[in-house]
N, C-alpha and C. Protein backbone atom coordinates (compact mmCIF):
# COMPACT_ATOMS: atom_id res chain seq x y z
N UNK A 1 18.29 -1.66 -16.11
CA UNK A 1 17.89 -1.01 -14.88
C UNK A 1 18.97 -1.21 -13.81
N UNK A 2 18.78 -0.58 -12.67
CA UNK A 2 19.76 -0.61 -11.59
C UNK A 2 19.46 -1.75 -10.61
N UNK A 3 20.44 -2.01 -9.74
CA UNK A 3 20.23 -2.99 -8.67
C UNK A 3 19.09 -2.53 -7.75
N UNK A 4 19.02 -1.24 -7.50
CA UNK A 4 17.96 -0.69 -6.66
C UNK A 4 16.59 -0.90 -7.29
N UNK A 5 16.52 -0.74 -8.60
CA UNK A 5 15.27 -0.99 -9.32
C UNK A 5 14.89 -2.46 -9.18
N UNK A 6 15.85 -3.36 -9.38
CA UNK A 6 15.57 -4.79 -9.28
C UNK A 6 15.10 -5.17 -7.88
N UNK A 7 15.76 -4.63 -6.85
CA UNK A 7 15.33 -4.88 -5.47
C UNK A 7 13.93 -4.33 -5.25
N UNK A 8 13.69 -3.12 -5.74
CA UNK A 8 12.38 -2.51 -5.61
C UNK A 8 11.29 -3.31 -6.28
N UNK A 9 11.58 -3.82 -7.46
CA UNK A 9 10.59 -4.62 -8.18
C UNK A 9 10.28 -5.91 -7.43
N UNK A 10 11.32 -6.51 -6.85
CA UNK A 10 11.11 -7.74 -6.08
C UNK A 10 10.23 -7.45 -4.85
N UNK A 11 10.51 -6.36 -4.16
CA UNK A 11 9.72 -5.99 -2.98
C UNK A 11 8.31 -5.60 -3.37
N UNK A 12 8.19 -4.82 -4.43
CA UNK A 12 6.87 -4.39 -4.91
C UNK A 12 5.99 -5.59 -5.23
N UNK A 13 6.58 -6.58 -5.91
CA UNK A 13 5.82 -7.79 -6.24
C UNK A 13 5.44 -8.57 -5.00
N UNK A 14 6.35 -8.63 -4.01
CA UNK A 14 6.07 -9.37 -2.77
C UNK A 14 4.95 -8.71 -1.98
N UNK A 15 4.88 -7.39 -2.01
CA UNK A 15 3.87 -6.67 -1.23
C UNK A 15 2.55 -6.56 -1.98
N UNK A 16 2.60 -6.13 -3.23
CA UNK A 16 1.37 -5.86 -3.99
C UNK A 16 0.86 -7.05 -4.79
N UNK A 17 1.73 -8.01 -5.05
CA UNK A 17 1.36 -9.17 -5.84
C UNK A 17 1.69 -9.00 -7.31
N UNK A 18 1.99 -10.11 -7.95
CA UNK A 18 2.37 -10.08 -9.36
C UNK A 18 1.29 -9.51 -10.27
N UNK A 19 0.04 -9.86 -10.00
CA UNK A 19 -1.05 -9.40 -10.88
C UNK A 19 -1.13 -7.88 -10.89
N UNK A 20 -1.05 -7.25 -9.72
CA UNK A 20 -1.12 -5.79 -9.65
C UNK A 20 0.06 -5.16 -10.38
N UNK A 21 1.26 -5.66 -10.10
CA UNK A 21 2.45 -5.08 -10.72
C UNK A 21 2.44 -5.32 -12.23
N UNK A 22 2.01 -6.48 -12.66
CA UNK A 22 1.93 -6.75 -14.10
C UNK A 22 0.97 -5.78 -14.79
N UNK A 23 -0.17 -5.49 -14.15
CA UNK A 23 -1.12 -4.52 -14.72
C UNK A 23 -0.49 -3.13 -14.79
N UNK A 24 0.20 -2.74 -13.74
CA UNK A 24 0.85 -1.42 -13.72
C UNK A 24 1.93 -1.33 -14.79
N UNK A 25 2.70 -2.38 -14.92
CA UNK A 25 3.76 -2.40 -15.93
C UNK A 25 3.17 -2.34 -17.35
N UNK A 26 2.09 -3.07 -17.57
CA UNK A 26 1.46 -3.08 -18.90
C UNK A 26 0.89 -1.71 -19.25
N UNK A 27 0.48 -0.96 -18.24
CA UNK A 27 -0.11 0.36 -18.48
C UNK A 27 0.93 1.47 -18.58
N UNK A 28 2.18 1.15 -18.32
CA UNK A 28 3.24 2.16 -18.36
C UNK A 28 3.49 2.61 -19.80
N UNK A 29 3.60 3.92 -19.96
CA UNK A 29 3.88 4.52 -21.27
C UNK A 29 5.22 5.23 -21.20
N UNK A 30 5.76 5.65 -22.33
CA UNK A 30 7.00 6.44 -22.27
C UNK A 30 6.86 7.69 -21.41
N UNK A 31 5.67 8.27 -21.36
CA UNK A 31 5.45 9.46 -20.55
C UNK A 31 5.64 9.20 -19.06
N UNK A 32 5.01 8.10 -18.54
CA UNK A 32 5.09 7.87 -17.10
C UNK A 32 6.17 6.87 -16.68
N UNK A 33 6.96 6.38 -17.61
CA UNK A 33 8.04 5.45 -17.28
C UNK A 33 9.03 6.03 -16.26
N UNK A 34 9.42 7.31 -16.38
CA UNK A 34 10.33 7.86 -15.36
C UNK A 34 9.72 7.83 -13.95
N UNK A 35 8.41 8.07 -13.86
CA UNK A 35 7.74 8.01 -12.56
C UNK A 35 7.74 6.59 -12.02
N UNK A 36 7.45 5.63 -12.88
CA UNK A 36 7.46 4.22 -12.45
C UNK A 36 8.84 3.81 -11.95
N UNK A 37 9.88 4.28 -12.63
CA UNK A 37 11.25 3.99 -12.18
C UNK A 37 11.50 4.63 -10.82
N UNK A 38 11.09 5.88 -10.67
CA UNK A 38 11.27 6.59 -9.40
C UNK A 38 10.61 5.85 -8.25
N UNK A 39 9.34 5.48 -8.39
CA UNK A 39 8.66 4.83 -7.26
C UNK A 39 9.21 3.43 -7.02
N UNK A 40 9.63 2.76 -8.08
CA UNK A 40 10.19 1.42 -7.89
C UNK A 40 11.50 1.50 -7.12
N UNK A 41 12.34 2.46 -7.47
CA UNK A 41 13.63 2.59 -6.78
C UNK A 41 13.47 3.22 -5.40
N UNK A 42 12.74 4.33 -5.31
CA UNK A 42 12.67 5.08 -4.05
C UNK A 42 11.71 4.45 -3.04
N UNK A 43 10.45 4.27 -3.45
CA UNK A 43 9.47 3.73 -2.51
C UNK A 43 9.74 2.26 -2.22
N UNK A 44 9.88 1.47 -3.28
CA UNK A 44 9.99 0.03 -3.09
C UNK A 44 11.41 -0.45 -2.86
N UNK A 45 12.39 0.13 -3.55
CA UNK A 45 13.78 -0.32 -3.41
C UNK A 45 14.46 0.23 -2.18
N UNK A 46 14.08 1.43 -1.76
CA UNK A 46 14.71 2.05 -0.60
C UNK A 46 13.84 1.92 0.65
N UNK A 47 12.65 2.49 0.63
CA UNK A 47 11.82 2.53 1.85
C UNK A 47 11.26 1.15 2.19
N UNK A 48 10.50 0.55 1.28
CA UNK A 48 9.86 -0.73 1.58
C UNK A 48 10.85 -1.89 1.72
N UNK A 49 12.03 -1.77 1.15
CA UNK A 49 13.02 -2.85 1.24
C UNK A 49 13.88 -2.77 2.49
N UNK A 50 13.84 -1.64 3.20
CA UNK A 50 14.60 -1.50 4.43
C UNK A 50 14.05 -2.45 5.48
N UNK A 51 14.92 -3.04 6.27
CA UNK A 51 14.49 -4.03 7.26
C UNK A 51 14.43 -3.49 8.69
N UNK A 52 14.56 -2.19 8.86
CA UNK A 52 14.51 -1.60 10.21
C UNK A 52 13.19 -1.88 10.89
N UNK A 53 12.09 -1.77 10.16
CA UNK A 53 10.77 -2.15 10.68
C UNK A 53 10.21 -3.23 9.77
N UNK A 54 9.21 -3.94 10.26
CA UNK A 54 8.65 -5.05 9.49
C UNK A 54 7.71 -4.53 8.40
N UNK A 55 7.43 -5.39 7.46
CA UNK A 55 6.45 -5.02 6.42
C UNK A 55 5.07 -4.79 7.04
N UNK A 56 4.74 -5.52 8.08
CA UNK A 56 3.47 -5.31 8.78
C UNK A 56 3.42 -3.89 9.32
N UNK A 57 4.46 -3.47 10.01
CA UNK A 57 4.51 -2.12 10.56
C UNK A 57 4.50 -1.07 9.45
N UNK A 58 5.25 -1.33 8.40
CA UNK A 58 5.31 -0.39 7.27
C UNK A 58 3.95 -0.26 6.61
N UNK A 59 3.23 -1.37 6.52
CA UNK A 59 1.89 -1.37 5.94
C UNK A 59 0.95 -0.50 6.76
N UNK A 60 1.02 -0.65 8.09
CA UNK A 60 0.18 0.15 8.97
C UNK A 60 0.51 1.64 8.85
N UNK A 61 1.80 1.95 8.82
CA UNK A 61 2.22 3.35 8.66
C UNK A 61 1.73 3.92 7.34
N UNK A 62 1.87 3.15 6.29
CA UNK A 62 1.46 3.61 4.97
C UNK A 62 -0.03 3.90 4.93
N UNK A 63 -0.83 3.00 5.46
CA UNK A 63 -2.28 3.22 5.48
C UNK A 63 -2.64 4.44 6.31
N UNK A 64 -2.00 4.61 7.45
CA UNK A 64 -2.28 5.77 8.29
C UNK A 64 -1.89 7.06 7.58
N UNK A 65 -0.74 7.06 6.94
CA UNK A 65 -0.29 8.27 6.24
C UNK A 65 -1.19 8.59 5.04
N UNK A 66 -1.59 7.57 4.31
CA UNK A 66 -2.49 7.80 3.18
C UNK A 66 -3.79 8.42 3.66
N UNK A 67 -4.34 7.88 4.74
CA UNK A 67 -5.59 8.42 5.27
C UNK A 67 -5.40 9.83 5.82
N UNK A 68 -4.34 10.03 6.58
CA UNK A 68 -4.11 11.33 7.22
C UNK A 68 -3.88 12.44 6.20
N UNK A 69 -3.31 12.10 5.07
CA UNK A 69 -3.04 13.11 4.04
C UNK A 69 -4.14 13.18 2.99
N UNK A 70 -5.18 12.36 3.16
CA UNK A 70 -6.29 12.40 2.22
C UNK A 70 -6.01 11.76 0.88
N UNK A 71 -5.02 10.89 0.83
CA UNK A 71 -4.69 10.18 -0.41
C UNK A 71 -5.45 8.84 -0.44
N UNK A 72 -6.75 8.97 -0.51
CA UNK A 72 -7.64 7.82 -0.36
C UNK A 72 -7.59 6.84 -1.53
N UNK A 73 -7.21 7.30 -2.71
CA UNK A 73 -7.20 6.43 -3.88
C UNK A 73 -6.29 5.21 -3.71
N UNK A 74 -5.24 5.36 -2.92
CA UNK A 74 -4.26 4.28 -2.73
C UNK A 74 -4.67 3.31 -1.62
N UNK A 75 -5.64 3.67 -0.81
CA UNK A 75 -5.98 2.83 0.34
C UNK A 75 -6.46 1.43 -0.06
N UNK A 76 -7.37 1.26 -1.01
CA UNK A 76 -7.76 -0.12 -1.35
C UNK A 76 -6.58 -1.00 -1.79
N UNK A 77 -5.67 -0.45 -2.56
CA UNK A 77 -4.49 -1.22 -2.99
C UNK A 77 -3.69 -1.68 -1.77
N UNK A 78 -3.51 -0.78 -0.81
CA UNK A 78 -2.71 -1.14 0.36
C UNK A 78 -3.48 -2.02 1.35
N UNK A 79 -4.80 -1.95 1.34
CA UNK A 79 -5.59 -2.91 2.12
C UNK A 79 -5.40 -4.31 1.52
N UNK A 80 -5.49 -4.41 0.20
CA UNK A 80 -5.27 -5.71 -0.45
C UNK A 80 -3.87 -6.24 -0.14
N UNK A 81 -2.90 -5.35 -0.06
CA UNK A 81 -1.52 -5.76 0.20
C UNK A 81 -1.33 -6.32 1.61
N UNK A 82 -2.24 -6.02 2.53
CA UNK A 82 -2.07 -6.54 3.89
C UNK A 82 -2.07 -8.06 3.92
N UNK A 83 -2.64 -8.70 2.91
CA UNK A 83 -2.59 -10.16 2.82
C UNK A 83 -1.14 -10.62 2.69
N UNK A 84 -0.28 -9.76 2.16
CA UNK A 84 1.13 -10.10 1.98
C UNK A 84 2.05 -9.50 3.04
N UNK A 85 1.56 -8.48 3.75
CA UNK A 85 2.42 -7.82 4.73
C UNK A 85 2.21 -8.33 6.15
N UNK A 86 1.10 -8.99 6.38
CA UNK A 86 0.81 -9.51 7.72
C UNK A 86 0.02 -8.56 8.59
N UNK A 87 -0.31 -7.37 8.09
CA UNK A 87 -1.14 -6.45 8.87
C UNK A 87 -2.57 -6.98 8.90
N UNK A 88 -3.10 -7.15 10.09
CA UNK A 88 -4.45 -7.70 10.25
C UNK A 88 -5.49 -6.58 10.19
N UNK A 89 -6.74 -6.98 10.15
CA UNK A 89 -7.83 -5.99 10.20
C UNK A 89 -7.73 -5.17 11.49
N UNK A 90 -7.39 -5.82 12.59
CA UNK A 90 -7.24 -5.10 13.85
C UNK A 90 -6.10 -4.09 13.78
N UNK A 91 -4.99 -4.48 13.13
CA UNK A 91 -3.87 -3.55 12.94
C UNK A 91 -4.30 -2.33 12.15
N UNK A 92 -5.04 -2.58 11.08
CA UNK A 92 -5.49 -1.49 10.20
C UNK A 92 -6.43 -0.57 10.98
N UNK A 93 -7.34 -1.14 11.76
CA UNK A 93 -8.24 -0.31 12.54
C UNK A 93 -7.45 0.55 13.53
N UNK A 94 -6.45 -0.01 14.16
CA UNK A 94 -5.64 0.77 15.09
C UNK A 94 -4.95 1.93 14.37
N UNK A 95 -4.46 1.68 13.17
CA UNK A 95 -3.84 2.75 12.39
C UNK A 95 -4.85 3.86 12.10
N UNK A 96 -6.06 3.47 11.73
CA UNK A 96 -7.09 4.47 11.41
C UNK A 96 -7.60 5.18 12.66
N UNK A 97 -7.59 4.51 13.81
CA UNK A 97 -7.96 5.19 15.06
C UNK A 97 -6.94 6.29 15.38
N UNK A 98 -5.68 6.02 15.10
CA UNK A 98 -4.66 7.05 15.28
C UNK A 98 -4.91 8.21 14.33
N UNK A 99 -5.30 7.90 13.12
CA UNK A 99 -5.63 8.95 12.16
C UNK A 99 -6.77 9.81 12.71
N UNK A 100 -7.78 9.18 13.27
CA UNK A 100 -8.92 9.93 13.80
C UNK A 100 -8.48 10.93 14.86
N UNK A 101 -7.61 10.50 15.74
CA UNK A 101 -7.17 11.36 16.84
C UNK A 101 -6.20 12.44 16.36
N UNK A 102 -5.26 12.08 15.51
CA UNK A 102 -4.18 13.01 15.16
C UNK A 102 -4.37 13.75 13.84
N UNK A 103 -5.28 13.28 12.99
CA UNK A 103 -5.46 13.93 11.69
C UNK A 103 -6.91 14.28 11.38
N UNK A 104 -7.84 13.70 12.11
CA UNK A 104 -9.23 14.07 11.92
C UNK A 104 -10.15 12.89 11.70
N UNK A 105 -11.30 12.96 12.36
CA UNK A 105 -12.31 11.91 12.27
C UNK A 105 -12.82 11.72 10.84
N UNK A 106 -13.10 12.78 10.07
CA UNK A 106 -13.60 12.56 8.71
C UNK A 106 -12.64 11.76 7.83
N UNK A 107 -11.35 12.00 7.96
CA UNK A 107 -10.37 11.25 7.17
C UNK A 107 -10.36 9.78 7.58
N UNK A 108 -10.36 9.54 8.88
CA UNK A 108 -10.40 8.16 9.36
C UNK A 108 -11.69 7.47 8.94
N UNK A 109 -12.79 8.17 9.04
CA UNK A 109 -14.09 7.62 8.67
C UNK A 109 -14.09 7.18 7.20
N UNK A 110 -13.56 8.04 6.34
CA UNK A 110 -13.53 7.69 4.92
C UNK A 110 -12.58 6.51 4.66
N UNK A 111 -11.44 6.50 5.32
CA UNK A 111 -10.50 5.40 5.16
C UNK A 111 -11.11 4.08 5.62
N UNK A 112 -11.86 4.12 6.73
CA UNK A 112 -12.52 2.91 7.23
C UNK A 112 -13.58 2.44 6.25
N UNK A 113 -14.32 3.36 5.67
CA UNK A 113 -15.32 3.02 4.66
C UNK A 113 -14.66 2.29 3.48
N UNK A 114 -13.53 2.82 3.01
CA UNK A 114 -12.82 2.19 1.90
C UNK A 114 -12.27 0.82 2.29
N UNK A 115 -11.75 0.72 3.50
CA UNK A 115 -11.22 -0.56 3.97
C UNK A 115 -12.34 -1.60 4.06
N UNK A 116 -13.48 -1.21 4.62
CA UNK A 116 -14.61 -2.15 4.72
C UNK A 116 -15.03 -2.66 3.35
N UNK A 117 -15.13 -1.76 2.39
CA UNK A 117 -15.53 -2.17 1.04
C UNK A 117 -14.49 -3.09 0.41
N UNK A 118 -13.23 -2.79 0.63
CA UNK A 118 -12.16 -3.61 0.06
C UNK A 118 -12.14 -4.99 0.71
N UNK A 119 -12.24 -5.03 2.03
CA UNK A 119 -12.29 -6.34 2.71
C UNK A 119 -13.50 -7.14 2.25
N UNK A 120 -14.63 -6.49 2.06
CA UNK A 120 -15.83 -7.17 1.58
C UNK A 120 -15.60 -7.77 0.19
N UNK A 121 -14.99 -6.97 -0.70
CA UNK A 121 -14.68 -7.46 -2.05
C UNK A 121 -13.73 -8.66 -1.99
N UNK A 122 -12.73 -8.57 -1.14
CA UNK A 122 -11.77 -9.68 -1.00
C UNK A 122 -12.45 -10.94 -0.51
N UNK A 123 -13.34 -10.79 0.47
CA UNK A 123 -14.06 -11.95 1.00
C UNK A 123 -14.99 -12.56 -0.04
N UNK A 124 -15.65 -11.73 -0.83
CA UNK A 124 -16.54 -12.23 -1.88
C UNK A 124 -15.77 -12.98 -2.96
N UNK A 125 -14.57 -12.51 -3.28
CA UNK A 125 -13.77 -13.12 -4.34
C UNK A 125 -13.02 -14.36 -3.90
N UNK A 126 -12.98 -14.61 -2.58
CA UNK A 126 -12.32 -15.83 -2.10
C UNK A 126 -13.32 -16.86 -1.59
N UNK A 127 -14.58 -16.49 -1.59
CA UNK A 127 -15.62 -17.42 -1.10
C UNK A 127 -16.03 -18.40 -2.17
C-alpha cells in the first residue's frame, strides 16, 4: 500500500477505534477492496489527517454533513467516534441545530434521535 494509505489507516483507527476498523477490514472482499482503499486514502489519509482544523471540529462537521445530506446510516458510527475526537454531546447538538436551520428540521430531528439512541447504547455498555 501507499504512504497515504498507511497514514489514513492510522487516522482511521485513532478516530473509529481498532475494533471497528478490524471488523471493516475482515468484511472486505475483492469486490469492495478498491472502495476501502479509496476511503482510507482520501477520507482518512487526506481529509481526516489534515491538521488545519481539529478532529473535534472535523467530527462536528462530519455529523452535520451526514445529517444535512440524509446519510443517516453513518451517524451512529460517528457519534461513537466522538469519544476519540473530543466532540462533546453539546458540540454534537450544536451541529444538529445548525442542520435544523440550514438543512431542515426533519433531518436534524432524525439525526438527534439516532444520536440519543447511540449515546444510550454507549452508556449501557460502559455501566
